[in-house]
Amino acid sequence: MKKSLTSLLPVLMLSILAACGRSASDTAESTPIAESLPATSGTQTNAEAGQSSHSILIAYFTMPESDGVDAVASASRVVTDDEILGNTQFIAQAIQSTLGGDLFAIETVQDYPGAHDDLLDFAENEQDEQMKPELATHVDNMENYDVIFLGYPNWWADMPMPLYSFLEEYDLSGKRIIPFVTHDGSRFSRTIRTIEELQPDATLVSEGFNVSRNNIVEAEGDVSEWALGLDL
């Protein structure tokens, strides 16, 4: 009898081990890998999320006119969801929707006329006199940004004078400047060269975005395509 029990012990041990092995294997196969690993941040890349890996500032100057209905009527503003946006502001927000980043409105202490003709006359005189208006808004942490989108309307084939004030206030050396402009047919004129002269140690992206003020409302898709094409 003892001999029989002794001979059966190895068989029983092998059976028990085999059963344990099957149990462990079944448990591993039934547990999804994603659930068995701790969650980690950064799984989705910025490209997949539609956001840039750079620290982006979208600075813009806009001046919605008071005597137009919307961009289709050739005014310098867009009416969307009962909100009045300047043309350049509309494009700036489209860039932010595509890439993320922080919006910054370049505003002046002085007020500009709201009527179209009065605004044109005021802007022309300001340019003739090279009057650089005092800014009412300021970027406190400019050193934190490495990409600066810079938006403005084309006034008399030049940047509005508040852009000169902005570009002379900050040292953008080593940063990438990407211009975008709203216009009435003149595109950028020579403004890209002017930005390069004012910020010679920055990297200026010459393939900026330009759009006629007559086509602002329909330009949102084009803005997104252009912004994504910058490979930021």
C-alpha atoms as a PDB file:
ATOM      1  CA  MET A   1       0.000   0.000   0.000  1.00  0.00           C
ATOM      2  CA  LYS A   2       2.795   2.385   0.871  1.00  0.00           C
ATOM      3  CA  LYS A   3       4.461   1.558  -2.397  1.00  0.00           C
ATOM      4  CA  SER A   4       1.272   2.369  -4.315  1.00  0.00           C
ATOM      5  CA  LEU A   5       0.891   5.767  -2.580  1.00  0.00           C
ATOM      6  CA  THR A   6       4.532   6.559  -3.191  1.00  0.00           C
ATOM      7  CA  SER A   7       4.207   5.876  -6.885  1.00  0.00           C
ATOM      8  CA  LEU A   8       1.085   8.024  -7.150  1.00  0.00           C
ATOM      9  CA  LEU A   9       2.573  11.140  -5.499  1.00  0.00           C
ATOM     10  CA  PRO A  10       4.586  12.315  -8.554  1.00  0.00           C
ATOM     11  CA  VAL A  11       1.488  11.983 -10.739  1.00  0.00           C
ATOM     12  CA  LEU A  12      -0.624  14.001  -8.313  1.00  0.00           C
ATOM     13  CA  MET A  13       2.031  16.748  -8.085  1.00  0.00           C
ATOM     14  CA  LEU A  14       2.245  17.065 -11.874  1.00  0.00           C
ATOM     15  CA  SER A  15      -1.545  17.311 -12.124  1.00  0.00           C
ATOM     16  CA  ILE A  16      -1.682  20.097  -9.525  1.00  0.00           C
ATOM     17  CA  LEU A  17       1.105  22.075 -11.244  1.00  0.00           C
ATOM     18  CA  ALA A  18      -0.548  21.713 -14.609  1.00  0.00           C
ATOM     19  CA  ALA A  19      -3.849  22.989 -13.229  1.00  0.00           C
ATOM     20  CA  CYS A  20      -2.155  26.019 -11.638  1.00  0.00           C
ATOM     21  CA  GLY A  21      -0.393  26.755 -14.916  1.00  0.00           C
ATOM     22  CA  ARG A  22      -3.678  26.671 -16.849  1.00  0.00           C
ATOM     23  CA  SER A  23      -5.331  28.988 -14.304  1.00  0.00           C
ATOM     24  CA  ALA A  24      -2.549  31.609 -14.516  1.00  0.00           C
ATOM     25  CA  SER A  25      -2.529  31.450 -18.315  1.00  0.00           C
ATOM     26  CA  ASP A  26      -6.303  31.851 -18.580  1.00  0.00           C
ATOM     27  CA  THR A  27      -6.201  34.894 -16.272  1.00  0.00           C
ATOM     28  CA  ALA A  28      -3.489  36.599 -18.325  1.00  0.00           C
ATOM     29  CA  GLU A  29      -5.326  36.077 -21.609  1.00  0.00           C
ATOM     30  CA  SER A  30      -8.615  37.399 -20.231  1.00  0.00           C
ATOM     31  CA  THR A  31      -7.080  40.638 -18.864  1.00  0.00           C
ATOM     32  CA  PRO A  32      -6.855  43.421 -21.528  1.00  0.00           C
ATOM     33  CA  ILE A  33      -3.308  44.784 -21.747  1.00  0.00           C
ATOM     34  CA  ALA A  34      -4.513  48.398 -21.483  1.00  0.00           C
ATOM     35  CA  GLU A  35      -6.175  47.644 -18.174  1.00  0.00           C
ATOM     36  CA  SER A  36      -3.184  45.789 -16.764  1.00  0.00           C
ATOM     37  CA  LEU A  37      -0.807  48.727 -17.383  1.00  0.00           C
ATOM     38  CA  PRO A  38      -0.857  52.077 -15.582  1.00  0.00           C
ATOM     39  CA  ALA A  39      -2.217  55.000 -17.595  1.00  0.00           C
ATOM     40  CA  THR A  40       0.490  57.328 -18.926  1.00  0.00           C
ATOM     41  CA  SER A  41       0.305  60.929 -20.092  1.00  0.00           C
ATOM     42  CA  GLY A  42       1.448  61.972 -23.534  1.00  0.00           C
ATOM     43  CA  THR A  43       0.049  58.902 -25.267  1.00  0.00           C
ATOM     44  CA  GLN A  44      -1.655  61.108 -27.839  1.00  0.00           C
ATOM     45  CA  THR A  45       0.859  63.222 -29.757  1.00  0.00           C
ATOM     46  CA  ASN A  46       0.312  66.903 -30.397  1.00  0.00           C
ATOM     47  CA  ALA A  47      -0.128  66.185 -34.086  1.00  0.00           C
ATOM     48  CA  GLU A  48      -2.880  63.657 -33.309  1.00  0.00           C
ATOM     49  CA  ALA A  49      -4.541  66.087 -30.930  1.00  0.00           C
ATOM     50  CA  GLY A  50      -4.387  68.931 -33.461  1.00  0.00           C
ATOM     51  CA  GLN A  51      -2.202  70.971 -31.126  1.00  0.00           C
ATOM     52  CA  SER A  52       1.356  72.245 -31.516  1.00  0.00           C
ATOM     53  CA  SER A  53       4.305  71.179 -29.398  1.00  0.00           C
ATOM     54  CA  HIS A  54       5.538  74.788 -29.398  1.00  0.00           C
ATOM     55  CA  SER A  55       4.562  77.559 -27.023  1.00  0.00           C
ATOM     56  CA  ILE A  56       2.474  79.818 -29.250  1.00  0.00           C
ATOM     57  CA  LEU A  57       1.333  83.414 -28.905  1.00  0.00           C
ATOM     58  CA  ILE A  58      -1.214  84.704 -31.416  1.00  0.00           C
ATOM     59  CA  ALA A  59      -0.908  88.485 -31.263  1.00  0.00           C
ATOM     60  CA  TYR A  60      -3.147  90.589 -33.448  1.00  0.00           C
ATOM     61  CA  PHE A  61      -4.411  94.107 -34.004  1.00  0.00           C
ATOM     62  CA  THR A  62      -7.952  94.509 -35.222  1.00  0.00           C
ATOM     63  CA  MET A  63     -10.273  97.437 -35.744  1.00  0.00           C
ATOM     64  CA  PRO A  64     -13.927  96.559 -36.375  1.00  0.00           C
ATOM     65  CA  GLU A  65     -15.614  99.367 -38.256  1.00  0.00           C
ATOM     66  CA  SER A  66     -18.927 100.650 -36.988  1.00  0.00           C
ATOM     67  CA  ASP A  67     -20.554 101.482 -40.320  1.00  0.00           C
ATOM     68  CA  GLY A  68     -20.662  98.045 -41.970  1.00  0.00           C
ATOM     69  CA  VAL A  69     -22.804  94.968 -41.506  1.00  0.00           C
ATOM     70  CA  ASP A  70     -20.316  92.140 -41.918  1.00  0.00           C
ATOM     71  CA  ALA A  71     -17.332  91.020 -43.936  1.00  0.00           C
ATOM     72  CA  VAL A  72     -19.500  90.215 -46.954  1.00  0.00           C
ATOM     73  CA  ALA A  73     -20.456  93.881 -47.080  1.00  0.00           C
ATOM     74  CA  SER A  74     -16.721  94.723 -47.244  1.00  0.00           C
ATOM     75  CA  ALA A  75     -16.582  96.050 -43.716  1.00  0.00           C
ATOM     76  CA  SER A  76     -13.688  95.136 -41.437  1.00  0.00           C
ATOM     77  CA  ARG A  77     -15.728  92.998 -39.083  1.00  0.00           C
ATOM     78  CA  VAL A  78     -17.539  89.692 -38.893  1.00  0.00           C
ATOM     79  CA  VAL A  79     -20.837  89.109 -37.124  1.00  0.00           C
ATOM     80  CA  THR A  80     -20.976  85.535 -35.843  1.00  0.00           C
ATOM     81  CA  ASP A  81     -23.287  84.129 -33.172  1.00  0.00           C
ATOM     82  CA  ASP A  82     -24.443  87.682 -32.422  1.00  0.00           C
ATOM     83  CA  GLU A  83     -20.849  88.639 -31.605  1.00  0.00           C
ATOM     84  CA  ILE A  84     -18.928  91.284 -33.541  1.00  0.00           C
ATOM     85  CA  LEU A  85     -15.340  90.283 -34.331  1.00  0.00           C
ATOM     86  CA  GLY A  86     -12.725  92.214 -36.228  1.00  0.00           C
ATOM     87  CA  ASN A  87     -11.539  90.475 -39.388  1.00  0.00           C
ATOM     88  CA  THR A  88      -8.057  89.893 -38.017  1.00  0.00           C
ATOM     89  CA  GLN A  89      -9.486  88.673 -34.713  1.00  0.00           C
ATOM     90  CA  PHE A  90     -11.602  86.137 -36.608  1.00  0.00           C
ATOM     91  CA  ILE A  91      -8.500  84.736 -38.332  1.00  0.00           C
ATOM     92  CA  ALA A  92      -6.558  84.727 -35.047  1.00  0.00           C
ATOM     93  CA  GLN A  93      -9.264  82.651 -33.394  1.00  0.00           C
ATOM     94  CA  ALA A  94      -9.251  80.221 -36.315  1.00  0.00           C
ATOM     95  CA  ILE A  95      -5.504  79.730 -35.828  1.00  0.00           C
ATOM     96  CA  GLN A  96      -6.012  79.099 -32.127  1.00  0.00           C
ATOM     97  CA  SER A  97      -8.761  76.564 -32.862  1.00  0.00           C
ATOM     98  CA  THR A  98      -6.332  74.675 -35.089  1.00  0.00           C
ATOM     99  CA  LEU A  99      -3.065  74.830 -33.164  1.00  0.00           C
ATOM    100  CA  GLY A 100      -3.897  76.029 -29.671  1.00  0.00           C
ATOM    101  CA  GLY A 101      -1.830  78.848 -28.201  1.00  0.00           C
ATOM    102  CA  ASP A 102      -2.672  82.075 -26.384  1.00  0.00           C
ATOM    103  CA  LEU A 103      -4.566  84.948 -27.973  1.00  0.00           C
ATOM    104  CA  PHE A 104      -3.322  88.482 -27.363  1.00  0.00           C
ATOM    105  CA  ALA A 105      -5.126  91.578 -28.623  1.00  0.00           C
ATOM    106  CA  ILE A 106      -2.814  94.518 -29.352  1.00  0.00           C
ATOM    107  CA  GLU A 107      -4.786  97.486 -28.062  1.00  0.00           C
ATOM    108  CA  THR A 108      -3.920 101.163 -27.828  1.00  0.00           C
ATOM    109  CA  VAL A 109      -4.591 103.840 -25.259  1.00  0.00           C
ATOM    110  CA  GLN A 110      -6.036 106.067 -27.965  1.00  0.00           C
ATOM    111  CA  ASP A 111      -9.293 105.253 -29.709  1.00  0.00           C
ATOM    112  CA  TYR A 112      -9.597 104.859 -33.454  1.00  0.00           C
ATOM    113  CA  PRO A 113     -12.562 106.141 -35.483  1.00  0.00           C
ATOM    114  CA  GLY A 114     -15.200 103.539 -36.220  1.00  0.00           C
ATOM    115  CA  ALA A 115     -16.417 104.921 -39.534  1.00  0.00           C
ATOM    116  CA  HIS A 116     -14.584 103.556 -42.566  1.00  0.00           C
ATOM    117  CA  ASP A 117     -13.549 106.824 -44.222  1.00  0.00           C
ATOM    118  CA  ASP A 118     -12.600 108.470 -40.930  1.00  0.00           C
ATOM    119  CA  LEU A 119     -10.501 105.450 -39.991  1.00  0.00           C
ATOM    120  CA  LEU A 120      -8.643 105.516 -43.301  1.00  0.00           C
ATOM    121  CA  ASP A 121      -7.897 109.227 -42.916  1.00  0.00           C
ATOM    122  CA  PHE A 122      -6.733 108.735 -39.327  1.00  0.00           C
ATOM    123  CA  ALA A 123      -4.486 105.811 -40.275  1.00  0.00           C
ATOM    124  CA  GLU A 124      -2.977 107.719 -43.199  1.00  0.00           C
ATOM    125  CA  ASN A 125      -2.153 110.717 -41.013  1.00  0.00           C
ATOM    126  CA  GLU A 126      -0.709 108.459 -38.317  1.00  0.00           C
ATOM    127  CA  GLN A 127       1.590 106.832 -40.865  1.00  0.00           C
ATOM    128  CA  ASP A 128       2.608 110.130 -42.447  1.00  0.00           C
ATOM    129  CA  GLU A 129       3.574 111.500 -39.040  1.00  0.00           C
ATOM    130  CA  GLN A 130       5.157 108.183 -37.948  1.00  0.00           C
ATOM    131  CA  MET A 131       3.115 108.365 -34.760  1.00  0.00           C
ATOM    132  CA  LYS A 132       3.578 105.166 -32.769  1.00  0.00           C
ATOM    133  CA  PRO A 133       0.659 104.975 -30.340  1.00  0.00           C
ATOM    134  CA  GLU A 134       1.029 103.934 -26.731  1.00  0.00           C
ATOM    135  CA  LEU A 135      -0.148 100.407 -26.115  1.00  0.00           C
ATOM    136  CA  ALA A 136      -2.769  99.619 -23.498  1.00  0.00           C
ATOM    137  CA  THR A 137      -2.061  95.873 -23.408  1.00  0.00           C
ATOM    138  CA  HIS A 138       1.268  94.156 -22.787  1.00  0.00           C
ATOM    139  CA  VAL A 139       2.671  90.622 -22.816  1.00  0.00           C
ATOM    140  CA  ASP A 140       4.169  89.977 -19.384  1.00  0.00           C
ATOM    141  CA  ASN A 141       5.796  86.641 -20.217  1.00  0.00           C
ATOM    142  CA  MET A 142       7.050  87.006 -23.775  1.00  0.00           C
ATOM    143  CA  GLU A 143      10.098  84.900 -22.926  1.00  0.00           C
ATOM    144  CA  ASN A 144       7.807  81.871 -22.546  1.00  0.00           C
ATOM    145  CA  TYR A 145       6.831  81.826 -26.225  1.00  0.00           C
ATOM    146  CA  ASP A 146       8.903  80.516 -29.098  1.00  0.00           C
ATOM    147  CA  VAL A 147       6.369  81.012 -31.921  1.00  0.00           C
ATOM    148  CA  ILE A 148       4.636  84.356 -32.469  1.00  0.00           C
ATOM    149  CA  PHE A 149       1.768  84.603 -34.926  1.00  0.00           C
ATOM    150  CA  LEU A 150       1.409  88.277 -35.797  1.00  0.00           C
ATOM    151  CA  GLY A 151      -1.822  89.497 -37.371  1.00  0.00           C
ATOM    152  CA  TYR A 152      -2.860  92.889 -38.702  1.00  0.00           C
ATOM    153  CA  PRO A 153      -4.871  94.602 -41.434  1.00  0.00           C
ATOM    154  CA  ASN A 154      -3.039  96.168 -44.353  1.00  0.00           C
ATOM    155  CA  TRP A 155      -3.525  99.914 -44.063  1.00  0.00           C
ATOM    156  CA  TRP A 156      -2.211 102.034 -46.910  1.00  0.00           C
ATOM    157  CA  ALA A 157       0.215  99.273 -47.998  1.00  0.00           C
ATOM    158  CA  ASP A 158       1.746  99.135 -44.527  1.00  0.00           C
ATOM    159  CA  MET A 159       1.199  97.745 -41.046  1.00  0.00           C
ATOM    160  CA  PRO A 160      -0.951  99.815 -38.708  1.00  0.00           C
ATOM    161  CA  MET A 161       1.251 101.928 -36.465  1.00  0.00           C
ATOM    162  CA  PRO A 162       0.301  99.929 -33.322  1.00  0.00           C
ATOM    163  CA  LEU A 163       2.267  97.046 -34.874  1.00  0.00           C
ATOM    164  CA  TYR A 164       5.371  99.246 -34.897  1.00  0.00           C
ATOM    165  CA  SER A 165       4.799  99.993 -31.211  1.00  0.00           C
ATOM    166  CA  PHE A 166       4.432  96.282 -30.480  1.00  0.00           C
ATOM    167  CA  LEU A 167       7.523  95.211 -32.440  1.00  0.00           C
ATOM    168  CA  GLU A 168       9.655  97.915 -30.837  1.00  0.00           C
ATOM    169  CA  GLU A 169       8.518  96.989 -27.326  1.00  0.00           C
ATOM    170  CA  TYR A 170       9.729  93.383 -27.421  1.00  0.00           C
ATOM    171  CA  ASP A 171      12.928  91.618 -28.374  1.00  0.00           C
ATOM    172  CA  LEU A 172      11.822  88.581 -30.350  1.00  0.00           C
ATOM    173  CA  SER A 173      15.335  87.296 -31.041  1.00  0.00           C
ATOM    174  CA  GLY A 174      15.411  83.549 -31.583  1.00  0.00           C
ATOM    175  CA  LYS A 175      11.644  83.306 -31.928  1.00  0.00           C
ATOM    176  CA  ARG A 176       9.724  82.337 -35.024  1.00  0.00           C
ATOM    177  CA  ILE A 177       7.393  85.067 -36.322  1.00  0.00           C
ATOM    178  CA  ILE A 178       4.529  83.994 -38.587  1.00  0.00           C
ATOM    179  CA  PRO A 179       2.549  86.893 -40.084  1.00  0.00           C
ATOM    180  CA  PHE A 180      -1.064  86.900 -41.236  1.00  0.00           C
ATOM    181  CA  VAL A 181      -2.851  89.813 -42.823  1.00  0.00           C
ATOM    182  CA  THR A 182      -6.336  90.909 -43.865  1.00  0.00           C
ATOM    183  CA  HIS A 183      -6.449  93.255 -46.834  1.00  0.00           C
ATOM    184  CA  ASP A 184      -8.498  94.854 -49.564  1.00  0.00           C
ATOM    185  CA  GLY A 185      -6.327  93.590 -52.423  1.00  0.00           C
ATOM    186  CA  SER A 186      -2.800  94.601 -51.391  1.00  0.00           C
ATOM    187  CA  ARG A 187      -1.900  91.347 -49.595  1.00  0.00           C
ATOM    188  CA  PHE A 188       1.265  91.888 -47.498  1.00  0.00           C
ATOM    189  CA  SER A 189       2.703  94.772 -49.539  1.00  0.00           C
ATOM    190  CA  ARG A 190       6.199  95.213 -48.006  1.00  0.00           C
ATOM    191  CA  THR A 191       5.171  94.506 -44.416  1.00  0.00           C
ATOM    192  CA  ILE A 192       7.073  91.212 -44.161  1.00  0.00           C
ATOM    193  CA  ARG A 193      10.287  93.035 -44.999  1.00  0.00           C
ATOM    194  CA  THR A 194       9.425  95.677 -42.403  1.00  0.00           C
ATOM    195  CA  ILE A 195       8.965  93.037 -39.698  1.00  0.00           C
ATOM    196  CA  GLU A 196      12.306  91.546 -40.674  1.00  0.00           C
ATOM    197  CA  GLU A 197      13.962  94.951 -40.325  1.00  0.00           C
ATOM    198  CA  LEU A 198      12.416  95.565 -36.912  1.00  0.00           C
ATOM    199  CA  GLN A 199      13.247  92.069 -35.619  1.00  0.00           C
ATOM    200  CA  PRO A 200      16.445  91.067 -37.463  1.00  0.00           C
ATOM    201  CA  ASP A 201      17.356  88.302 -35.003  1.00  0.00           C
ATOM    202  CA  ALA A 202      14.019  86.524 -35.214  1.00  0.00           C
ATOM    203  CA  THR A 203      13.205  83.823 -37.759  1.00  0.00           C
ATOM    204  CA  LEU A 204      10.526  85.206 -40.047  1.00  0.00           C
ATOM    205  CA  VAL A 205       8.265  82.765 -41.888  1.00  0.00           C
ATOM    206  CA  SER A 206       7.624  84.474 -45.199  1.00  0.00           C
ATOM    207  CA  GLU A 207       4.794  82.107 -46.183  1.00  0.00           C
ATOM    208  CA  GLY A 208       2.256  83.973 -44.117  1.00  0.00           C
ATOM    209  CA  PHE A 209      -1.502  83.822 -44.521  1.00  0.00           C
ATOM    210  CA  ASN A 210      -3.290  86.593 -46.380  1.00  0.00           C
ATOM    211  CA  VAL A 211      -6.997  86.937 -47.032  1.00  0.00           C
ATOM    212  CA  SER A 212      -9.176  89.577 -48.608  1.00  0.00           C
ATOM    213  CA  ARG A 213     -11.606  91.158 -46.197  1.00  0.00           C
ATOM    214  CA  ASN A 214     -14.352  90.160 -48.654  1.00  0.00           C
ATOM    215  CA  ASN A 215     -13.620  86.469 -48.026  1.00  0.00           C
ATOM    216  CA  ILE A 216     -13.146  86.346 -44.250  1.00  0.00           C
ATOM    217  CA  VAL A 217     -16.215  84.275 -43.435  1.00  0.00           C
ATOM    218  CA  GLU A 218     -15.272  81.528 -45.907  1.00  0.00           C
ATOM    219  CA  ALA A 219     -11.584  81.485 -44.940  1.00  0.00           C
ATOM    220  CA  GLU A 220     -11.728  79.391 -41.766  1.00  0.00           C
ATOM    221  CA  GLY A 221     -10.961  76.110 -43.553  1.00  0.00           C
ATOM    222  CA  ASP A 222      -8.096  77.703 -45.478  1.00  0.00           C
ATOM    223  CA  VAL A 223      -6.643  79.039 -42.230  1.00  0.00           C
ATOM    224  CA  SER A 224      -6.659  75.577 -40.656  1.00  0.00           C
ATOM    225  CA  GLU A 225      -5.050  73.984 -43.709  1.00  0.00           C
ATOM    226  CA  TRP A 226      -2.334  76.644 -43.789  1.00  0.00           C
ATOM    227  CA  ALA A 227      -1.662  76.449 -40.055  1.00  0.00           C
ATOM    228  CA  LEU A 228      -1.348  72.664 -40.102  1.00  0.00           C
ATOM    229  CA  GLY A 229       0.981  72.924 -43.086  1.00  0.00           C
ATOM    230  CA  LEU A 230       3.434  74.946 -41.006  1.00  0.00           C
ATOM    231  CA  ASP A 231       4.380  71.673 -39.268  1.00  0.00           C
ATOM    232  CA  LEU A 232       4.512  73.152 -35.784  1.00  0.00           C
END
